[in-house]
C-alpha atoms as a PDB file:
ATOM      1  CA  UNK A   1     -27.573  -1.460 -30.411  1.00  0.00           C
ATOM      2  CA  UNK A   2     -27.657  -3.451 -27.198  1.00  0.00           C
ATOM      3  CA  UNK A   3     -29.804  -6.575 -27.046  1.00  0.00           C
ATOM      4  CA  UNK A   4     -32.477  -6.590 -24.327  1.00  0.00           C
ATOM      5  CA  UNK A   5     -32.656 -10.418 -24.319  1.00  0.00           C
ATOM      6  CA  UNK A   6     -29.716 -11.881 -22.438  1.00  0.00           C
ATOM      7  CA  UNK A   7     -30.385 -15.366 -23.750  1.00  0.00           C
ATOM      8  CA  UNK A   8     -30.118 -14.035 -27.322  1.00  0.00           C
ATOM      9  CA  UNK A   9     -27.029 -11.949 -26.430  1.00  0.00           C
ATOM     10  CA  UNK A  10     -25.303 -14.885 -24.714  1.00  0.00           C
ATOM     11  CA  UNK A  11     -25.538 -17.100 -27.798  1.00  0.00           C
ATOM     12  CA  UNK A  12     -22.340 -17.333 -29.786  1.00  0.00           C
ATOM     13  CA  UNK A  13     -19.879 -16.862 -27.018  1.00  0.00           C
ATOM     14  CA  UNK A  14     -18.520 -14.223 -24.747  1.00  0.00           C
ATOM     15  CA  UNK A  15     -16.643 -13.213 -22.879  1.00  0.00           C
ATOM     16  CA  UNK A  16     -18.891 -11.591 -20.363  1.00  0.00           C
ATOM     17  CA  UNK A  17     -17.843  -8.745 -18.095  1.00  0.00           C
ATOM     18  CA  UNK A  18     -18.711  -8.700 -14.358  1.00  0.00           C
ATOM     19  CA  UNK A  19     -18.642  -5.370 -12.571  1.00  0.00           C
ATOM     20  CA  UNK A  20     -18.382  -5.619  -8.768  1.00  0.00           C
ATOM     21  CA  UNK A  21     -17.831  -3.343  -5.762  1.00  0.00           C
ATOM     22  CA  UNK A  22     -14.064  -3.543  -5.297  1.00  0.00           C
ATOM     23  CA  UNK A  23     -14.348  -2.534  -1.642  1.00  0.00           C
ATOM     24  CA  UNK A  24     -16.976  -5.185  -0.686  1.00  0.00           C
ATOM     25  CA  UNK A  25     -15.789  -8.435   0.946  1.00  0.00           C
ATOM     26  CA  UNK A  26     -18.863 -10.298  -0.396  1.00  0.00           C
ATOM     27  CA  UNK A  27     -18.164  -9.073  -3.933  1.00  0.00           C
ATOM     28  CA  UNK A  28     -14.514  -9.997  -3.769  1.00  0.00           C
ATOM     29  CA  UNK A  29     -15.425 -13.411  -2.474  1.00  0.00           C
ATOM     30  CA  UNK A  30     -17.883 -13.859  -5.346  1.00  0.00           C
ATOM     31  CA  UNK A  31     -15.176 -12.924  -7.881  1.00  0.00           C
ATOM     32  CA  UNK A  32     -12.886 -15.518  -6.365  1.00  0.00           C
ATOM     33  CA  UNK A  33     -15.686 -18.088  -6.511  1.00  0.00           C
ATOM     34  CA  UNK A  34     -16.404 -17.383 -10.142  1.00  0.00           C
ATOM     35  CA  UNK A  35     -12.674 -17.573 -11.012  1.00  0.00           C
ATOM     36  CA  UNK A  36     -12.452 -21.004  -9.313  1.00  0.00           C
ATOM     37  CA  UNK A  37     -15.485 -22.301 -11.269  1.00  0.00           C
ATOM     38  CA  UNK A  38     -14.724 -20.766 -14.680  1.00  0.00           C
ATOM     39  CA  UNK A  39     -11.814 -22.683 -16.162  1.00  0.00           C
ATOM     40  CA  UNK A  40     -12.898 -21.660 -19.736  1.00  0.00           C
ATOM     41  CA  UNK A  41     -12.355 -17.979 -18.821  1.00  0.00           C
ATOM     42  CA  UNK A  42     -15.837 -16.916 -19.934  1.00  0.00           C
ATOM     43  CA  UNK A  43     -16.009 -14.140 -17.351  1.00  0.00           C
ATOM     44  CA  UNK A  44     -13.813 -11.053 -17.200  1.00  0.00           C
ATOM     45  CA  UNK A  45     -13.901  -8.573 -14.296  1.00  0.00           C
ATOM     46  CA  UNK A  46     -13.641  -4.911 -13.417  1.00  0.00           C
ATOM     47  CA  UNK A  47     -14.380  -3.129 -10.140  1.00  0.00           C
ATOM     48  CA  UNK A  48     -17.312  -0.661 -10.290  1.00  0.00           C
ATOM     49  CA  UNK A  49     -14.892   2.017  -9.152  1.00  0.00           C
ATOM     50  CA  UNK A  50     -12.763   1.681 -12.293  1.00  0.00           C
ATOM     51  CA  UNK A  51     -12.797   3.916 -15.413  1.00  0.00           C
ATOM     52  CA  UNK A  52     -13.536   0.848 -17.562  1.00  0.00           C
ATOM     53  CA  UNK A  53     -16.681   0.108 -15.535  1.00  0.00           C
ATOM     54  CA  UNK A  54     -17.770   3.769 -15.811  1.00  0.00           C
ATOM     55  CA  UNK A  55     -17.500   3.593 -19.612  1.00  0.00           C
ATOM     56  CA  UNK A  56     -19.504   0.385 -19.879  1.00  0.00           C
ATOM     57  CA  UNK A  57     -22.165   1.624 -17.514  1.00  0.00           C
ATOM     58  CA  UNK A  58     -22.517   4.861 -19.449  1.00  0.00           C
ATOM     59  CA  UNK A  59     -23.161   2.926 -22.650  1.00  0.00           C
ATOM     60  CA  UNK A  60     -26.162   1.388 -21.025  1.00  0.00           C
ATOM     61  CA  UNK A  61     -27.385   4.635 -19.294  1.00  0.00           C
ATOM     62  CA  UNK A  62     -26.463   3.347 -15.845  1.00  0.00           C
ATOM     63  CA  UNK A  63     -25.127   5.464 -12.929  1.00  0.00           C
ATOM     64  CA  UNK A  64     -21.407   4.652 -12.445  1.00  0.00           C
ATOM     65  CA  UNK A  65     -21.629   5.950  -8.888  1.00  0.00           C
ATOM     66  CA  UNK A  66     -24.158   3.230  -7.931  1.00  0.00           C
ATOM     67  CA  UNK A  67     -21.941   0.768  -6.022  1.00  0.00           C
ATOM     68  CA  UNK A  68     -24.809  -1.199  -4.555  1.00  0.00           C
ATOM     69  CA  UNK A  69     -25.363  -3.451  -7.518  1.00  0.00           C
ATOM     70  CA  UNK A  70     -23.717  -6.314  -9.318  1.00  0.00           C
ATOM     71  CA  UNK A  71     -23.581  -5.949 -13.118  1.00  0.00           C
ATOM     72  CA  UNK A  72     -23.052  -8.529 -15.826  1.00  0.00           C
ATOM     73  CA  UNK A  73     -22.491  -7.206 -19.343  1.00  0.00           C
ATOM     74  CA  UNK A  74     -23.229 -10.138 -21.608  1.00  0.00           C
ATOM     75  CA  UNK A  75     -20.894 -10.382 -24.624  1.00  0.00           C
ATOM     76  CA  UNK A  76     -19.257  -7.106 -23.624  1.00  0.00           C
ATOM     77  CA  UNK A  77     -16.964  -7.128 -26.702  1.00  0.00           C
ATOM     78  CA  UNK A  78     -19.845  -7.417 -29.198  1.00  0.00           C
ATOM     79  CA  UNK A  79     -22.228  -4.903 -30.644  1.00  0.00           C
ATOM     80  CA  UNK A  80     -25.221  -6.991 -29.494  1.00  0.00           C
ATOM     81  CA  UNK A  81     -24.488  -6.913 -25.740  1.00  0.00           C
ATOM     82  CA  UNK A  82     -26.847  -6.812 -22.820  1.00  0.00           C
ATOM     83  CA  UNK A  83     -26.572  -5.237 -19.335  1.00  0.00           C
ATOM     84  CA  UNK A  84     -28.003  -7.256 -16.477  1.00  0.00           C
ATOM     85  CA  UNK A  85     -28.102  -6.058 -12.907  1.00  0.00           C
ATOM     86  CA  UNK A  86     -28.855  -7.318  -9.467  1.00  0.00           C
ATOM     87  CA  UNK A  87     -30.626 -10.690  -9.290  1.00  0.00           C
ATOM     88  CA  UNK A  88     -30.831 -11.185 -13.059  1.00  0.00           C
ATOM     89  CA  UNK A  89     -27.080 -10.740 -13.290  1.00  0.00           C
ATOM     90  CA  UNK A  90     -26.469 -13.226 -10.481  1.00  0.00           C
ATOM     91  CA  UNK A  91     -28.783 -15.798 -12.141  1.00  0.00           C
ATOM     92  CA  UNK A  92     -26.985 -15.310 -15.468  1.00  0.00           C
ATOM     93  CA  UNK A  93     -23.581 -15.925 -13.830  1.00  0.00           C
ATOM     94  CA  UNK A  94     -24.753 -19.064 -12.075  1.00  0.00           C
ATOM     95  CA  UNK A  95     -26.424 -20.583 -15.128  1.00  0.00           C
ATOM     96  CA  UNK A  96     -23.413 -19.790 -17.322  1.00  0.00           C
ATOM     97  CA  UNK A  97     -21.056 -21.439 -14.861  1.00  0.00           C
ATOM     98  CA  UNK A  98     -23.102 -24.655 -15.279  1.00  0.00           C
ATOM     99  CA  UNK A  99     -22.872 -27.723 -13.057  1.00  0.00           C
ATOM    100  CA  UNK A 100     -25.108 -27.528  -9.998  1.00  0.00           C
ATOM    101  CA  UNK A 101     -25.273 -23.774 -10.403  1.00  0.00           C
ATOM    102  CA  UNK A 102     -27.396 -24.242 -13.464  1.00  0.00           C
ATOM    103  CA  UNK A 103     -30.329 -24.935 -11.140  1.00  0.00           C
ATOM    104  CA  UNK A 104     -30.564 -21.160 -10.668  1.00  0.00           C
ATOM    105  CA  UNK A 105     -32.426 -21.183 -14.016  1.00  0.00           C
ATOM    106  CA  UNK A 106     -35.456 -22.223 -12.010  1.00  0.00           C
ATOM    107  CA  UNK A 107     -35.558 -18.677 -10.610  1.00  0.00           C
ATOM    108  CA  UNK A 108     -35.892 -17.041 -14.064  1.00  0.00           C
ATOM    109  CA  UNK A 109     -39.779 -17.165 -14.166  1.00  0.00           C
ATOM    110  CA  UNK A 110     -40.016 -15.326 -10.838  1.00  0.00           C
ATOM    111  CA  UNK A 111     -40.796 -11.620 -11.076  1.00  0.00           C
ATOM    112  CA  UNK A 112     -37.692  -9.399 -11.232  1.00  0.00           C
ATOM    113  CA  UNK A 113     -39.205  -7.105  -8.497  1.00  0.00           C
ATOM    114  CA  UNK A 114     -39.291 -10.038  -6.035  1.00  0.00           C
ATOM    115  CA  UNK A 115     -35.805 -11.278  -6.880  1.00  0.00           C
ATOM    116  CA  UNK A 116     -34.424  -7.773  -6.687  1.00  0.00           C
ATOM    117  CA  UNK A 117     -35.958  -7.124  -3.255  1.00  0.00           C
ATOM    118  CA  UNK A 118     -34.087 -10.148  -1.964  1.00  0.00           C
ATOM    119  CA  UNK A 119     -30.933  -8.953  -3.730  1.00  0.00           C
ATOM    120  CA  UNK A 120     -31.339  -5.421  -2.283  1.00  0.00           C
ATOM    121  CA  UNK A 121     -31.730  -6.793   1.235  1.00  0.00           C
ATOM    122  CA  UNK A 122     -28.433  -8.628   0.905  1.00  0.00           C
ATOM    123  CA  UNK A 123     -26.687  -5.615  -0.795  1.00  0.00           C
ATOM    124  CA  UNK A 124     -27.894  -3.173   1.915  1.00  0.00           C
ATOM    125  CA  UNK A 125     -26.392  -5.378   4.697  1.00  0.00           C
ATOM    126  CA  UNK A 126     -23.309  -6.732   2.936  1.00  0.00           C
ATOM    127  CA  UNK A 127     -20.882  -4.532   4.833  1.00  0.00           C
ATOM    128  CA  UNK A 128     -22.411  -5.612   8.122  1.00  0.00           C
ATOM    129  CA  UNK A 129     -22.092  -9.303   7.366  1.00  0.00           C
ATOM    130  CA  UNK A 130     -18.960  -9.278   5.206  1.00  0.00           C
ATOM    131  CA  UNK A 131     -15.868  -7.209   5.974  1.00  0.00           C
ATOM    132  CA  UNK A 132     -14.976  -4.198   3.921  1.00  0.00           C
ATOM    133  CA  UNK A 133     -11.894  -4.758   1.837  1.00  0.00           C
ATOM    134  CA  UNK A 134      -9.020  -2.325   2.623  1.00  0.00           C
ATOM    135  CA  UNK A 135      -7.037  -3.194  -0.446  1.00  0.00           C
ATOM    136  CA  UNK A 136      -7.762  -4.118  -4.062  1.00  0.00           C
ATOM    137  CA  UNK A 137      -8.095  -7.705  -5.103  1.00  0.00           C
ATOM    138  CA  UNK A 138      -4.787  -8.806  -6.608  1.00  0.00           C
ATOM    139  CA  UNK A 139      -5.500 -11.679  -9.006  1.00  0.00           C
ATOM    140  CA  UNK A 140      -3.153 -14.629  -9.308  1.00  0.00           C
ATOM    141  CA  UNK A 141      -0.913 -14.445 -12.415  1.00  0.00           C
ATOM    142  CA  UNK A 142      -3.033 -16.959 -14.344  1.00  0.00           C
ATOM    143  CA  UNK A 143      -6.148 -14.739 -13.843  1.00  0.00           C
ATOM    144  CA  UNK A 144      -4.589 -11.280 -14.456  1.00  0.00           C
ATOM    145  CA  UNK A 145      -5.567 -11.127 -18.115  1.00  0.00           C
ATOM    146  CA  UNK A 146      -9.235 -11.431 -17.125  1.00  0.00           C
ATOM    147  CA  UNK A 147      -9.254  -8.168 -15.231  1.00  0.00           C
ATOM    148  CA  UNK A 148      -9.750  -4.843 -17.049  1.00  0.00           C
END
């Protein structure tokens, strides 16, 4: 059974799975940023367009055709995993990365509806502000094992 509390689910290790729009320039940039700031390899990745992403999303009753969201599956290899989307997923990633990103924890008390409205505004306009990716992200050899 999946845990609804991401703090509970994140205890005891990971790794965590990030599902991203593989055709979005912003999303690909965010994957590169996480890779650069995650030397412990806590985060693994899969494009939303992949079969692996579809399987994980189905487990949580999510629509695999919804490519307008960012998904973090906390402790994706464990029975007690949690699925976070949109702003809550972004906050989880930032706080897990640590360092100055941990300040994102200050956003947790804000209502999810408010945070998701801001997230949705960015998501709806991402192709306007960030180029569409014409080819799949090819990870460097040292990162390949972190992609499903």
